[in-house]
Amino acid sequence: MTRALTRENAANLAPSFLESVVAQYAGTRLGRQELDGEILDERKDALWTRDMLERARVHEAPPLKRIVVAVDPPASSGKRADNCGIVAAGIEQAGMLYVLADATLSAARPAQWARAAIALYHRLSADTLVAEVNQGGEMVRAVLNEADPSAPVTMARATRGKYLRAAPVAQLYEQGRVKHVGAFPALEDEMCDFGADGLSSGRSPDRLDALVWAITALALTPKAPEPRMRRV
């Protein structure tokens, strides 16, 4: 199999054409196939499909009434550790949800992923950090508080399996209630490879877990007080 990137043929393309197609399609399903030469597989039993995510894609979010940054911490650190899922999402007045960022880190120590989560929290002027504590318990809150004592942390504890937690979120996508602001290739790969038995690789779906916590906090839990409106 031979693969080639469109940018490798840049000398034979008009610069304006290359800039235009990259700006429009980079990271999308079509762009990854046509610009990057990738072959994108899709599980038949996955909760999400590529077409579903393409229909959800938008260029920007409207003013949002609430934004959260969700953190799915790894159980350990080092080269063989799971990723630390860090995903931000927001909700607008009418209830439409927007995935804003995927800042997931690999092989990160607690201080590193805490700083990354706090940085995203400040960049988006988020309302709270939502952190899963099944693995680290109070240590997770302590690490985040050490990075920024002023940032509010909401503790989330999983009482059901990953698939059962993800299914209601996937239903919101099917209803057209979740949008992706731009493209998140690594996150979307996990979403389209996640079935009842997890990812086909057997690895932990850390980006997806963080996404599920973010959407759950915004739309699948009792309503929180409504803070100020903001634009991102």
C-alpha atoms as a PDB file:
ATOM      1  CA  MET A   1       0.000   0.000   0.000  1.00  0.00           C
ATOM      2  CA  THR A   2       1.312   3.426  -0.943  1.00  0.00           C
ATOM      3  CA  ARG A   3       0.117   6.595   0.734  1.00  0.00           C
ATOM      4  CA  ALA A   4       0.785  10.220  -0.152  1.00  0.00           C
ATOM      5  CA  LEU A   5      -0.225  13.494   1.436  1.00  0.00           C
ATOM      6  CA  THR A   6      -1.676  16.269  -0.676  1.00  0.00           C
ATOM      7  CA  ARG A   7       0.887  18.707   0.740  1.00  0.00           C
ATOM      8  CA  GLU A   8       3.652  16.547  -0.743  1.00  0.00           C
ATOM      9  CA  ASN A   9       2.361  17.681  -4.128  1.00  0.00           C
ATOM     10  CA  ALA A  10       2.307  21.348  -3.106  1.00  0.00           C
ATOM     11  CA  ALA A  11       4.774  22.340  -5.841  1.00  0.00           C
ATOM     12  CA  ASN A  12       2.187  21.393  -8.471  1.00  0.00           C
ATOM     13  CA  LEU A  13      -0.784  23.066  -6.790  1.00  0.00           C
ATOM     14  CA  ALA A  14      -1.840  26.677  -6.591  1.00  0.00           C
ATOM     15  CA  PRO A  15      -1.044  27.950  -3.073  1.00  0.00           C
ATOM     16  CA  SER A  16      -4.503  29.488  -2.766  1.00  0.00           C
ATOM     17  CA  PHE A  17      -6.141  26.154  -3.617  1.00  0.00           C
ATOM     18  CA  LEU A  18      -4.085  24.243  -1.035  1.00  0.00           C
ATOM     19  CA  GLU A  19      -4.771  26.818   1.677  1.00  0.00           C
ATOM     20  CA  SER A  20      -8.463  26.770   0.868  1.00  0.00           C
ATOM     21  CA  VAL A  21      -8.994  23.007   0.964  1.00  0.00           C
ATOM     22  CA  VAL A  22      -6.847  22.574   4.070  1.00  0.00           C
ATOM     23  CA  ALA A  23      -8.738  25.308   5.902  1.00  0.00           C
ATOM     24  CA  GLN A  24     -12.065  23.779   4.925  1.00  0.00           C
ATOM     25  CA  TYR A  25     -11.430  20.064   5.311  1.00  0.00           C
ATOM     26  CA  ALA A  26      -8.434  19.516   7.633  1.00  0.00           C
ATOM     27  CA  GLY A  27      -9.318  16.972  10.320  1.00  0.00           C
ATOM     28  CA  THR A  28     -12.682  16.037   8.810  1.00  0.00           C
ATOM     29  CA  ARG A  29     -13.434  12.599   7.415  1.00  0.00           C
ATOM     30  CA  LEU A  30     -13.103  13.821   3.828  1.00  0.00           C
ATOM     31  CA  GLY A  31      -9.932  15.757   4.577  1.00  0.00           C
ATOM     32  CA  ARG A  32      -8.236  12.883   6.345  1.00  0.00           C
ATOM     33  CA  GLN A  33      -8.995  10.596   3.408  1.00  0.00           C
ATOM     34  CA  GLU A  34      -8.322  12.986   0.526  1.00  0.00           C
ATOM     35  CA  LEU A  35      -5.628  15.254   2.028  1.00  0.00           C
ATOM     36  CA  ASP A  36      -3.829  12.847   4.375  1.00  0.00           C
ATOM     37  CA  GLY A  37      -4.324   9.555   2.555  1.00  0.00           C
ATOM     38  CA  GLU A  38      -5.823   7.793   5.567  1.00  0.00           C
ATOM     39  CA  ILE A  39      -8.144   4.815   5.407  1.00  0.00           C
ATOM     40  CA  LEU A  40     -10.747   5.330   8.098  1.00  0.00           C
ATOM     41  CA  ASP A  41     -12.337   2.187   9.459  1.00  0.00           C
ATOM     42  CA  GLU A  42     -15.667   2.132  11.265  1.00  0.00           C
ATOM     43  CA  ARG A  43     -17.065  -0.527  13.562  1.00  0.00           C
ATOM     44  CA  LYS A  44     -20.579  -1.663  12.766  1.00  0.00           C
ATOM     45  CA  ASP A  45     -21.437  -1.905  16.474  1.00  0.00           C
ATOM     46  CA  ALA A  46     -19.949   1.473  17.439  1.00  0.00           C
ATOM     47  CA  LEU A  47     -22.130   4.005  19.246  1.00  0.00           C
ATOM     48  CA  TRP A  48     -21.070   6.733  16.814  1.00  0.00           C
ATOM     49  CA  THR A  49     -20.580   6.806  13.033  1.00  0.00           C
ATOM     50  CA  ARG A  50     -18.415   9.042  10.850  1.00  0.00           C
ATOM     51  CA  ASP A  51     -21.488  10.386   9.090  1.00  0.00           C
ATOM     52  CA  MET A  52     -23.078  11.292  12.433  1.00  0.00           C
ATOM     53  CA  LEU A  53     -20.015  13.293  13.433  1.00  0.00           C
ATOM     54  CA  GLU A  54     -19.734  15.033  10.059  1.00  0.00           C
ATOM     55  CA  ARG A  55     -23.341  16.175  10.395  1.00  0.00           C
ATOM     56  CA  ALA A  56     -22.472  17.565  13.827  1.00  0.00           C
ATOM     57  CA  ARG A  57     -19.553  19.705  12.639  1.00  0.00           C
ATOM     58  CA  VAL A  58     -19.734  23.508  12.876  1.00  0.00           C
ATOM     59  CA  HIS A  59     -17.158  26.306  12.579  1.00  0.00           C
ATOM     60  CA  GLU A  60     -17.975  28.177  15.776  1.00  0.00           C
ATOM     61  CA  ALA A  61     -20.179  28.094  18.848  1.00  0.00           C
ATOM     62  CA  PRO A  62     -22.816  30.655  19.776  1.00  0.00           C
ATOM     63  CA  PRO A  63     -22.764  32.406  23.180  1.00  0.00           C
ATOM     64  CA  LEU A  64     -22.743  29.672  25.816  1.00  0.00           C
ATOM     65  CA  LYS A  65     -24.386  29.751  29.211  1.00  0.00           C
ATOM     66  CA  ARG A  66     -22.118  27.106  30.750  1.00  0.00           C
ATOM     67  CA  ILE A  67     -18.749  25.533  29.932  1.00  0.00           C
ATOM     68  CA  VAL A  68     -17.028  22.609  31.657  1.00  0.00           C
ATOM     69  CA  VAL A  69     -13.621  20.997  31.285  1.00  0.00           C
ATOM     70  CA  ALA A  70     -13.770  17.261  31.995  1.00  0.00           C
ATOM     71  CA  VAL A  71     -10.728  15.289  33.119  1.00  0.00           C
ATOM     72  CA  ASP A  72     -10.365  11.507  32.985  1.00  0.00           C
ATOM     73  CA  PRO A  73      -7.092  10.932  34.899  1.00  0.00           C
ATOM     74  CA  PRO A  74      -4.878   7.900  34.255  1.00  0.00           C
ATOM     75  CA  ALA A  75      -4.397   5.391  37.051  1.00  0.00           C
ATOM     76  CA  SER A  76      -0.614   5.699  36.750  1.00  0.00           C
ATOM     77  CA  SER A  77       2.052   7.762  35.005  1.00  0.00           C
ATOM     78  CA  GLY A  78       4.923   6.923  32.694  1.00  0.00           C
ATOM     79  CA  LYS A  79       5.351   5.780  29.109  1.00  0.00           C
ATOM     80  CA  ARG A  80       2.920   2.872  29.430  1.00  0.00           C
ATOM     81  CA  ALA A  81       0.215   4.801  31.253  1.00  0.00           C
ATOM     82  CA  ASP A  82      -3.161   5.550  29.742  1.00  0.00           C
ATOM     83  CA  ASN A  83      -3.792   9.003  28.348  1.00  0.00           C
ATOM     84  CA  CYS A  84      -5.286  11.683  30.537  1.00  0.00           C
ATOM     85  CA  GLY A  85      -8.504  12.632  28.778  1.00  0.00           C
ATOM     86  CA  ILE A  86      -9.170  16.383  28.832  1.00  0.00           C
ATOM     87  CA  VAL A  87     -12.207  17.585  26.870  1.00  0.00           C
ATOM     88  CA  ALA A  88     -14.155  20.851  27.071  1.00  0.00           C
ATOM     89  CA  ALA A  89     -17.798  21.347  26.124  1.00  0.00           C
ATOM     90  CA  GLY A  90     -20.473  23.974  26.560  1.00  0.00           C
ATOM     91  CA  ILE A  91     -24.232  24.406  26.365  1.00  0.00           C
ATOM     92  CA  GLU A  92     -26.206  27.317  24.943  1.00  0.00           C
ATOM     93  CA  GLN A  93     -29.507  28.769  26.121  1.00  0.00           C
ATOM     94  CA  ALA A  94     -31.723  26.484  24.017  1.00  0.00           C
ATOM     95  CA  GLY A  95     -29.888  23.342  25.151  1.00  0.00           C
ATOM     96  CA  MET A  96     -27.622  22.683  22.158  1.00  0.00           C
ATOM     97  CA  LEU A  97     -24.253  21.260  23.219  1.00  0.00           C
ATOM     98  CA  TYR A  98     -20.877  22.122  21.708  1.00  0.00           C
ATOM     99  CA  VAL A  99     -17.605  20.190  22.029  1.00  0.00           C
ATOM    100  CA  LEU A 100     -14.972  22.921  22.165  1.00  0.00           C
ATOM    101  CA  ALA A 101     -11.557  21.313  22.683  1.00  0.00           C
ATOM    102  CA  ASP A 102      -9.638  18.075  23.151  1.00  0.00           C
ATOM    103  CA  ALA A 103      -6.471  18.717  25.166  1.00  0.00           C
ATOM    104  CA  THR A 104      -5.784  15.071  26.053  1.00  0.00           C
ATOM    105  CA  LEU A 105      -2.209  14.277  27.110  1.00  0.00           C
ATOM    106  CA  SER A 106      -0.258  11.033  26.822  1.00  0.00           C
ATOM    107  CA  ALA A 107       2.327   9.736  29.301  1.00  0.00           C
ATOM    108  CA  ALA A 108       1.770  12.758  31.517  1.00  0.00           C
ATOM    109  CA  ARG A 109       2.528  13.052  35.207  1.00  0.00           C
ATOM    110  CA  PRO A 110      -0.220  14.344  37.510  1.00  0.00           C
ATOM    111  CA  ALA A 111       1.230  17.854  37.684  1.00  0.00           C
ATOM    112  CA  GLN A 112       1.393  18.003  33.881  1.00  0.00           C
ATOM    113  CA  TRP A 113      -2.183  16.975  33.169  1.00  0.00           C
ATOM    114  CA  ALA A 114      -3.443  19.174  35.986  1.00  0.00           C
ATOM    115  CA  ARG A 115      -1.716  22.218  34.483  1.00  0.00           C
ATOM    116  CA  ALA A 116      -3.110  21.370  31.037  1.00  0.00           C
ATOM    117  CA  ALA A 117      -6.654  21.080  32.395  1.00  0.00           C
ATOM    118  CA  ILE A 118      -6.344  24.324  34.342  1.00  0.00           C
ATOM    119  CA  ALA A 119      -4.940  26.123  31.288  1.00  0.00           C
ATOM    120  CA  LEU A 120      -7.928  25.028  29.198  1.00  0.00           C
ATOM    121  CA  TYR A 121     -10.289  26.021  32.014  1.00  0.00           C
ATOM    122  CA  HIS A 122      -8.882  29.567  31.992  1.00  0.00           C
ATOM    123  CA  ARG A 123      -8.637  29.827  28.198  1.00  0.00           C
ATOM    124  CA  LEU A 124     -12.329  29.068  27.790  1.00  0.00           C
ATOM    125  CA  SER A 125     -13.440  30.908  30.954  1.00  0.00           C
ATOM    126  CA  ALA A 126     -15.081  27.659  32.034  1.00  0.00           C
ATOM    127  CA  ASP A 127     -17.381  27.330  35.023  1.00  0.00           C
ATOM    128  CA  THR A 128     -15.940  24.176  36.542  1.00  0.00           C
ATOM    129  CA  LEU A 129     -13.625  21.212  36.139  1.00  0.00           C
ATOM    130  CA  VAL A 130     -15.328  17.801  36.165  1.00  0.00           C
ATOM    131  CA  ALA A 131     -12.915  15.085  37.267  1.00  0.00           C
ATOM    132  CA  GLU A 132     -13.459  11.340  37.484  1.00  0.00           C
ATOM    133  CA  VAL A 133     -12.232  10.117  40.856  1.00  0.00           C
ATOM    134  CA  ASN A 134     -12.665   6.338  40.610  1.00  0.00           C
ATOM    135  CA  GLN A 135      -8.942   5.814  40.195  1.00  0.00           C
ATOM    136  CA  GLY A 136      -7.384   8.608  42.224  1.00  0.00           C
ATOM    137  CA  GLY A 137     -10.054   9.689  44.699  1.00  0.00           C
ATOM    138  CA  GLU A 138      -9.198  12.846  46.623  1.00  0.00           C
ATOM    139  CA  MET A 139      -5.734  12.831  45.035  1.00  0.00           C
ATOM    140  CA  VAL A 140      -7.312  14.084  41.799  1.00  0.00           C
ATOM    141  CA  ARG A 141      -8.872  17.084  43.526  1.00  0.00           C
ATOM    142  CA  ALA A 142      -5.624  17.750  45.408  1.00  0.00           C
ATOM    143  CA  VAL A 143      -3.548  17.752  42.207  1.00  0.00           C
ATOM    144  CA  LEU A 144      -5.940  20.134  40.462  1.00  0.00           C
ATOM    145  CA  ASN A 145      -6.127  22.403  43.521  1.00  0.00           C
ATOM    146  CA  GLU A 146      -2.349  22.524  43.682  1.00  0.00           C
ATOM    147  CA  ALA A 147      -2.284  23.738  40.075  1.00  0.00           C
ATOM    148  CA  ASP A 148      -4.905  26.398  40.848  1.00  0.00           C
ATOM    149  CA  PRO A 149      -6.648  26.560  44.244  1.00  0.00           C
ATOM    150  CA  SER A 150      -9.271  28.961  42.874  1.00  0.00           C
ATOM    151  CA  ALA A 151     -10.597  26.589  40.176  1.00  0.00           C
ATOM    152  CA  PRO A 152     -13.789  24.776  41.244  1.00  0.00           C
ATOM    153  CA  VAL A 153     -13.654  20.992  40.896  1.00  0.00           C
ATOM    154  CA  THR A 154     -16.730  18.775  40.587  1.00  0.00           C
ATOM    155  CA  MET A 155     -16.011  15.176  41.498  1.00  0.00           C
ATOM    156  CA  ALA A 156     -17.572  12.513  39.257  1.00  0.00           C
ATOM    157  CA  ARG A 157     -17.691   8.867  40.277  1.00  0.00           C
ATOM    158  CA  ALA A 158     -18.587   6.125  37.798  1.00  0.00           C
ATOM    159  CA  THR A 159     -21.197   3.660  39.046  1.00  0.00           C
ATOM    160  CA  ARG A 160     -21.869   2.052  35.652  1.00  0.00           C
ATOM    161  CA  GLY A 161     -19.645   0.655  32.897  1.00  0.00           C
ATOM    162  CA  LYS A 162     -18.219   2.857  30.160  1.00  0.00           C
ATOM    163  CA  TYR A 163     -20.672   1.667  27.507  1.00  0.00           C
ATOM    164  CA  LEU A 164     -23.720   2.352  29.667  1.00  0.00           C
ATOM    165  CA  ARG A 165     -22.401   5.813  30.508  1.00  0.00           C
ATOM    166  CA  ALA A 166     -21.649   6.592  26.857  1.00  0.00           C
ATOM    167  CA  ALA A 167     -24.956   5.378  25.384  1.00  0.00           C
ATOM    168  CA  PRO A 168     -27.101   8.352  26.571  1.00  0.00           C
ATOM    169  CA  VAL A 169     -24.466  10.742  25.193  1.00  0.00           C
ATOM    170  CA  ALA A 170     -24.519   8.962  21.822  1.00  0.00           C
ATOM    171  CA  GLN A 171     -28.312   9.323  21.830  1.00  0.00           C
ATOM    172  CA  LEU A 172     -27.925  13.105  22.133  1.00  0.00           C
ATOM    173  CA  TYR A 173     -25.734  13.000  19.014  1.00  0.00           C
ATOM    174  CA  GLU A 174     -28.386  10.975  17.175  1.00  0.00           C
ATOM    175  CA  GLN A 175     -30.940  13.618  18.133  1.00  0.00           C
ATOM    176  CA  GLY A 176     -28.706  16.316  16.649  1.00  0.00           C
ATOM    177  CA  ARG A 177     -28.186  18.005  20.017  1.00  0.00           C
ATOM    178  CA  VAL A 178     -24.362  17.910  20.065  1.00  0.00           C
ATOM    179  CA  LYS A 179     -22.047  19.822  17.720  1.00  0.00           C
ATOM    180  CA  HIS A 180     -18.271  19.686  17.257  1.00  0.00           C
ATOM    181  CA  VAL A 181     -16.636  23.089  16.857  1.00  0.00           C
ATOM    182  CA  GLY A 182     -14.018  22.077  14.308  1.00  0.00           C
ATOM    183  CA  ALA A 183     -12.458  18.621  14.013  1.00  0.00           C
ATOM    184  CA  PHE A 184     -11.044  16.379  16.735  1.00  0.00           C
ATOM    185  CA  PRO A 185      -9.532  13.438  14.811  1.00  0.00           C
ATOM    186  CA  ALA A 186      -8.161  11.421  17.736  1.00  0.00           C
ATOM    187  CA  LEU A 187     -11.322  11.833  19.797  1.00  0.00           C
ATOM    188  CA  GLU A 188     -13.554  11.019  16.827  1.00  0.00           C
ATOM    189  CA  ASP A 189     -11.504   7.897  16.058  1.00  0.00           C
ATOM    190  CA  GLU A 190     -12.236   6.633  19.575  1.00  0.00           C
ATOM    191  CA  MET A 191     -15.921   7.459  19.242  1.00  0.00           C
ATOM    192  CA  CYS A 192     -16.260   5.502  15.985  1.00  0.00           C
ATOM    193  CA  ASP A 193     -14.328   2.543  17.398  1.00  0.00           C
ATOM    194  CA  PHE A 194     -16.202   2.231  20.683  1.00  0.00           C
ATOM    195  CA  GLY A 195     -18.583  -0.696  21.007  1.00  0.00           C
ATOM    196  CA  ALA A 196     -20.036  -2.801  23.784  1.00  0.00           C
ATOM    197  CA  ASP A 197     -16.627  -4.387  24.407  1.00  0.00           C
ATOM    198  CA  GLY A 198     -14.747  -1.069  24.371  1.00  0.00           C
ATOM    199  CA  LEU A 199     -12.136  -0.074  21.806  1.00  0.00           C
ATOM    200  CA  SER A 200     -10.956  -2.690  19.327  1.00  0.00           C
ATOM    201  CA  SER A 201      -7.382  -2.099  20.542  1.00  0.00           C
ATOM    202  CA  GLY A 202      -8.321  -2.978  24.111  1.00  0.00           C
ATOM    203  CA  ARG A 203      -6.970   0.350  25.367  1.00  0.00           C
ATOM    204  CA  SER A 204      -8.868   2.692  27.619  1.00  0.00           C
ATOM    205  CA  PRO A 205     -11.030   5.252  25.717  1.00  0.00           C
ATOM    206  CA  ASP A 206      -9.690   8.201  27.697  1.00  0.00           C
ATOM    207  CA  ARG A 207     -10.721  10.970  25.299  1.00  0.00           C
ATOM    208  CA  LEU A 208     -14.185   9.480  24.979  1.00  0.00           C
ATOM    209  CA  ASP A 209     -14.493   9.121  28.756  1.00  0.00           C
ATOM    210  CA  ALA A 210     -13.707  12.812  29.209  1.00  0.00           C
ATOM    211  CA  LEU A 211     -16.245  13.714  26.518  1.00  0.00           C
ATOM    212  CA  VAL A 212     -18.906  11.621  28.243  1.00  0.00           C
ATOM    213  CA  TRP A 213     -18.232  13.285  31.599  1.00  0.00           C
ATOM    214  CA  ALA A 214     -18.438  16.753  30.025  1.00  0.00           C
ATOM    215  CA  ILE A 215     -21.726  16.135  28.193  1.00  0.00           C
ATOM    216  CA  THR A 216     -23.190  14.334  31.199  1.00  0.00           C
ATOM    217  CA  ALA A 217     -22.371  17.257  33.480  1.00  0.00           C
ATOM    218  CA  LEU A 218     -23.985  19.711  31.073  1.00  0.00           C
ATOM    219  CA  ALA A 219     -27.106  17.866  29.976  1.00  0.00           C
ATOM    220  CA  LEU A 220     -27.671  14.592  31.837  1.00  0.00           C
ATOM    221  CA  THR A 221     -27.557  15.754  35.465  1.00  0.00           C
ATOM    222  CA  PRO A 222     -29.805  18.145  37.431  1.00  0.00           C
ATOM    223  CA  LYS A 223     -29.464  21.716  36.174  1.00  0.00           C
ATOM    224  CA  ALA A 224     -26.832  23.923  37.778  1.00  0.00           C
ATOM    225  CA  PRO A 225     -27.264  27.669  38.395  1.00  0.00           C
ATOM    226  CA  GLU A 226     -26.899  29.578  35.153  1.00  0.00           C
ATOM    227  CA  PRO A 227     -23.791  31.816  35.050  1.00  0.00           C
ATOM    228  CA  ARG A 228     -23.142  34.672  32.697  1.00  0.00           C
ATOM    229  CA  MET A 229     -23.297  34.323  28.921  1.00  0.00           C
ATOM    230  CA  ARG A 230     -20.013  34.301  27.066  1.00  0.00           C
ATOM    231  CA  ARG A 231     -18.664  33.816  23.550  1.00  0.00           C
ATOM    232  CA  VAL A 232     -15.755  31.477  22.739  1.00  0.00           C
END
